C-alpha atoms as a PDB file:
ATOM      1  CA  MET A   1       1.188  14.334   3.570  1.00  0.00           C
ATOM      2  CA  PRO A   2      -1.312  12.151   1.729  1.00  0.00           C
ATOM      3  CA  ASP A   3      -2.071   8.571   2.756  1.00  0.00           C
ATOM      4  CA  LEU A   4       0.806   7.934   5.167  1.00  0.00           C
ATOM      5  CA  PRO A   5      -0.523   6.857   8.552  1.00  0.00           C
ATOM      6  CA  HIS A   6       2.568   8.287  10.271  1.00  0.00           C
ATOM      7  CA  ALA A   7       5.253  10.798   9.384  1.00  0.00           C
ATOM      8  CA  LEU A   8       8.044   9.595   7.152  1.00  0.00           C
ATOM      9  CA  SER A   9      10.548   7.398   8.914  1.00  0.00           C
ATOM     10  CA  PRO A  10      14.210   7.711   7.943  1.00  0.00           C
ATOM     11  CA  GLU A  11      13.799   4.489   5.965  1.00  0.00           C
ATOM     12  CA  ASP A  12      10.750   5.945   4.194  1.00  0.00           C
ATOM     13  CA  ALA A  13      12.846   8.971   3.240  1.00  0.00           C
ATOM     14  CA  LEU A  14      15.509   6.710   1.731  1.00  0.00           C
ATOM     15  CA  VAL A  15      12.865   4.804  -0.237  1.00  0.00           C
ATOM     16  CA  ALA A  16      11.387   8.127  -1.395  1.00  0.00           C
ATOM     17  CA  VAL A  17      14.771   9.230  -2.742  1.00  0.00           C
ATOM     18  CA  MET A  18      15.217   5.977  -4.666  1.00  0.00           C
ATOM     19  CA  ILE A  19      11.688   6.149  -6.122  1.00  0.00           C
ATOM     20  CA  THR A  20      12.218   9.790  -7.091  1.00  0.00           C
ATOM     21  CA  VAL A  21      15.338   8.995  -9.099  1.00  0.00           C
ATOM     22  CA  SER A  22      13.640   6.050 -10.781  1.00  0.00           C
ATOM     23  CA  ALA A  23      10.602   8.136 -11.715  1.00  0.00           C
ATOM     24  CA  SER A  24      12.609  11.187 -12.812  1.00  0.00           C
ATOM     25  CA  ASP A  25      12.763  10.173 -16.470  1.00  0.00           C
ATOM     26  CA  GLU A  26       9.103   9.056 -16.485  1.00  0.00           C
ATOM     27  CA  ASN A  27      10.254   5.556 -17.415  1.00  0.00           C
ATOM     28  CA  ILE A  28      10.666   3.294 -14.404  1.00  0.00           C
ATOM     29  CA  GLU A  29      12.879   0.435 -15.515  1.00  0.00           C
ATOM     30  CA  THR A  30      12.633  -3.082 -14.116  1.00  0.00           C
ATOM     31  CA  ALA A  31      16.338  -2.949 -13.228  1.00  0.00           C
ATOM     32  CA  GLU A  32      15.695   0.152 -11.124  1.00  0.00           C
ATOM     33  CA  LEU A  33      12.810  -1.474  -9.271  1.00  0.00           C
ATOM     34  CA  LEU A  34      14.924  -4.562  -8.642  1.00  0.00           C
ATOM     35  CA  ARG A  35      17.733  -2.360  -7.296  1.00  0.00           C
ATOM     36  CA  ILE A  36      15.309  -0.639  -4.907  1.00  0.00           C
ATOM     37  CA  GLU A  37      13.920  -3.982  -3.744  1.00  0.00           C
ATOM     38  CA  ALA A  38      17.406  -5.438  -3.277  1.00  0.00           C
ATOM     39  CA  SER A  39      18.493  -2.403  -1.274  1.00  0.00           C
ATOM     40  CA  VAL A  40      15.467  -2.604   1.016  1.00  0.00           C
ATOM     41  CA  ASN A  41      15.791  -6.375   1.408  1.00  0.00           C
ATOM     42  CA  ASN A  42      19.548  -6.505   2.010  1.00  0.00           C
ATOM     43  CA  LEU A  43      20.936  -3.323   3.525  1.00  0.00           C
ATOM     44  CA  PRO A  44      21.238  -3.131   7.311  1.00  0.00           C
ATOM     45  CA  ILE A  45      19.582   0.292   7.439  1.00  0.00           C
ATOM     46  CA  PHE A  46      16.330  -1.340   6.298  1.00  0.00           C
ATOM     47  CA  GLY A  47      16.570  -4.240   8.769  1.00  0.00           C
ATOM     48  CA  ALA A  48      13.362  -3.339  10.624  1.00  0.00           C
ATOM     49  CA  TYR A  49      11.570  -1.701   7.689  1.00  0.00           C
ATOM     50  CA  ASP A  50       8.000  -2.719   6.877  1.00  0.00           C
ATOM     51  CA  MET A  51       7.988  -3.181   3.094  1.00  0.00           C
ATOM     52  CA  ASP A  52       4.248  -2.403   3.015  1.00  0.00           C
ATOM     53  CA  ARG A  53       5.177   1.217   3.739  1.00  0.00           C
ATOM     54  CA  ALA A  54       7.173   1.348   0.497  1.00  0.00           C
ATOM     55  CA  ARG A  55       3.923   1.229  -1.481  1.00  0.00           C
ATOM     56  CA  LEU A  56       2.563   4.166   0.498  1.00  0.00           C
ATOM     57  CA  VAL A  57       5.799   6.107   0.111  1.00  0.00           C
ATOM     58  CA  THR A  58       5.713   5.452  -3.644  1.00  0.00           C
ATOM     59  CA  LYS A  59       2.208   6.907  -3.826  1.00  0.00           C
ATOM     60  CA  VAL A  60       3.287   9.981  -1.860  1.00  0.00           C
ATOM     61  CA  VAL A  61       6.271  10.494  -4.186  1.00  0.00           C
ATOM     62  CA  PHE A  62       4.113  10.173  -7.308  1.00  0.00           C
ATOM     63  CA  ASP A  63       1.503  12.541  -5.847  1.00  0.00           C
ATOM     64  CA  LEU A  64       4.155  15.118  -4.973  1.00  0.00           C
ATOM     65  CA  LEU A  65       5.831  14.879  -8.377  1.00  0.00           C
ATOM     66  CA  THR A  66       2.564  15.880 -10.040  1.00  0.00           C
ATOM     67  CA  GLU A  67       2.349  19.094  -8.001  1.00  0.00           C
ATOM     68  CA  GLU A  68       3.915  22.371  -9.085  1.00  0.00           C
ATOM     69  CA  ASP A  69       6.409  22.615  -6.199  1.00  0.00           C
ATOM     70  CA  GLY A  70       6.262  18.933  -5.380  1.00  0.00           C
ATOM     71  CA  LEU A  71       9.960  18.229  -5.794  1.00  0.00           C
ATOM     72  CA  ASP A  72      10.803  21.011  -3.341  1.00  0.00           C
ATOM     73  CA  ALA A  73       8.238  19.587  -0.923  1.00  0.00           C
ATOM     74  CA  LEU A  74       9.673  16.115  -1.349  1.00  0.00           C
ATOM     75  CA  PHE A  75      13.215  17.243  -0.600  1.00  0.00           C
ATOM     76  CA  GLY A  76      11.869  19.173   2.393  1.00  0.00           C
ATOM     77  CA  LEU A  77      10.314  15.966   3.724  1.00  0.00           C
ATOM     78  CA  VAL A  78      13.535  14.063   3.173  1.00  0.00           C
ATOM     79  CA  ARG A  79      15.648  16.690   4.960  1.00  0.00           C
ATOM     80  CA  GLU A  80      13.119  16.886   7.787  1.00  0.00           C
ATOM     81  CA  ASN A  81      12.864  13.127   8.350  1.00  0.00           C
ATOM     82  CA  LEU A  82      16.326  11.856   7.491  1.00  0.00           C
ATOM     83  CA  PRO A  83      19.201  12.633   9.873  1.00  0.00           C
ATOM     84  CA  ASP A  84      21.883  14.604   8.079  1.00  0.00           C
ATOM     85  CA  TYR A  85      24.489  11.897   8.718  1.00  0.00           C
ATOM     86  CA  LEU A  86      22.424   9.712   6.320  1.00  0.00           C
ATOM     87  CA  TRP A  87      22.245  12.254   3.490  1.00  0.00           C
ATOM     88  CA  GLU A  88      25.263  10.713   1.746  1.00  0.00           C
ATOM     89  CA  THR A  89      23.614   7.307   2.170  1.00  0.00           C
ATOM     90  CA  ALA A  90      20.516   8.672   0.443  1.00  0.00           C
ATOM     91  CA  TYR A  91      22.657   9.995  -2.401  1.00  0.00           C
ATOM     92  CA  ALA A  92      24.497   6.666  -2.722  1.00  0.00           C
ATOM     93  CA  LEU A  93      21.194   4.770  -2.921  1.00  0.00           C
ATOM     94  CA  ALA A  94      19.930   7.246  -5.522  1.00  0.00           C
ATOM     95  CA  CYS A  95      23.081   6.776  -7.605  1.00  0.00           C
ATOM     96  CA  ASP A  96      22.720   2.993  -7.432  1.00  0.00           C
ATOM     97  CA  VAL A  97      19.145   3.227  -8.705  1.00  0.00           C
ATOM     98  CA  ALA A  98      20.133   5.631 -11.491  1.00  0.00           C
ATOM     99  CA  ALA A  99      22.985   3.340 -12.582  1.00  0.00           C
ATOM    100  CA  ALA A 100      20.978   0.107 -12.308  1.00  0.00           C
ATOM    101  CA  ASP A 101      19.728   0.095 -15.913  1.00  0.00           C
ATOM    102  CA  GLY A 102      23.163   0.865 -17.361  1.00  0.00           C
ATOM    103  CA  THR A 103      22.346   4.343 -18.682  1.00  0.00           C
ATOM    104  CA  LEU A 104      21.868   7.770 -17.175  1.00  0.00           C
ATOM    105  CA  HIS A 105      19.418  10.031 -18.955  1.00  0.00           C
ATOM    106  CA  GLY A 106      19.182  13.824 -18.690  1.00  0.00           C
ATOM    107  CA  PRO A 107      16.341  13.829 -16.146  1.00  0.00           C
ATOM    108  CA  GLU A 108      18.219  11.396 -13.884  1.00  0.00           C
ATOM    109  CA  LEU A 109      21.355  13.521 -14.068  1.00  0.00           C
ATOM    110  CA  ARG A 110      19.338  16.637 -13.248  1.00  0.00           C
ATOM    111  CA  ILE A 111      17.602  15.022 -10.268  1.00  0.00           C
ATOM    112  CA  LEU A 112      20.940  13.786  -8.933  1.00  0.00           C
ATOM    113  CA  GLU A 113      22.350  17.300  -9.287  1.00  0.00           C
ATOM    114  CA  GLU A 114      19.339  18.707  -7.455  1.00  0.00           C
ATOM    115  CA  MET A 115      19.725  16.058  -4.772  1.00  0.00           C
ATOM    116  CA  ARG A 116      23.407  16.942  -4.287  1.00  0.00           C
ATOM    117  CA  HIS A 117      22.369  20.533  -3.750  1.00  0.00           C
ATOM    118  CA  GLU A 118      19.354  19.833  -1.528  1.00  0.00           C
ATOM    119  CA  LEU A 119      21.230  17.352   0.667  1.00  0.00           C
ATOM    120  CA  ASN A 120      24.396  19.446   0.769  1.00  0.00           C
ATOM    121  CA  ILE A 121      26.616  16.701  -0.653  1.00  0.00           C
ATOM    122  CA  ASP A 122      30.156  17.939  -1.177  1.00  0.00           C
ATOM    123  CA  ARG A 123      31.163  17.683  -4.851  1.00  0.00           C
ATOM    124  CA  LEU A 124      34.216  15.528  -4.107  1.00  0.00           C
ATOM    125  CA  HIS A 125      32.164  13.125  -1.982  1.00  0.00           C
ATOM    126  CA  ALA A 126      29.471  13.046  -4.665  1.00  0.00           C
ATOM    127  CA  ALA A 127      32.049  12.150  -7.312  1.00  0.00           C
ATOM    128  CA  ALA A 128      33.315   9.270  -5.190  1.00  0.00           C
ATOM    129  CA  ILE A 129      29.768   8.015  -4.579  1.00  0.00           C
ATOM    130  CA  GLU A 130      28.942   8.288  -8.295  1.00  0.00           C
ATOM    131  CA  ARG A 131      32.113   6.424  -9.267  1.00  0.00           C
ATOM    132  CA  GLY A 132      31.305   3.651  -6.805  1.00  0.00           C
ATOM    133  CA  ALA A 133      27.799   3.265  -8.253  1.00  0.00           C
ATOM    134  CA  ARG A 134      29.216   3.141 -11.770  1.00  0.00           C
ATOM    135  CA  ALA A 135      31.762   0.503 -10.751  1.00  0.00           C
ATOM    136  CA  ARG A 136      29.091  -1.654  -9.062  1.00  0.00           C
ATOM    137  CA  HIS A 137      26.860  -1.625 -12.142  1.00  0.00           C
ATOM    138  CA  MET A 138      29.429  -2.328 -14.863  1.00  0.00           C
ATOM    139  CA  ILE A 139      28.795  -5.183 -17.265  1.00  0.00           C
ATOM    140  CA  LEU A 140      31.199  -7.325 -19.254  1.00  0.00           C
ATOM    141  CA  ARG A 141      31.705  -6.183 -22.831  1.00  0.00           C
ATOM    142  CA  SER A 142      32.685  -8.437 -25.662  1.00  0.00           C
ATOM    143  CA  GLU A 143      35.783  -7.083 -27.310  1.00  0.00           C
END
């Protein structure tokens, strides 16, 4: 694993999932980055997380995404370093990042589908998580 001084922590794995979704459409939106930062700064699971590691994790994700089987390797690292009871948490964080800019593009939908498969997220649970992310990121419309 390039440039990480230690193996991925569970928190690193969660950050990696969020970065992966943001980078999936090759257009990292400011809203997505702000969502990642807010999650890391405010969620209890990141209470002891060293934010400096997020930069290293981001580099690892970008390096892996440029490799031929990099996405498979990335999901392998996530499964290996994130306890399975946090896999739904990872999916929820990924959905929040994907929904943060108000639109879901094809690549984001595909990466979420792949994530559901790789992290063994039950379809019914995934639908509930996705609906929650959509509800949290709604905006007022003028009618």
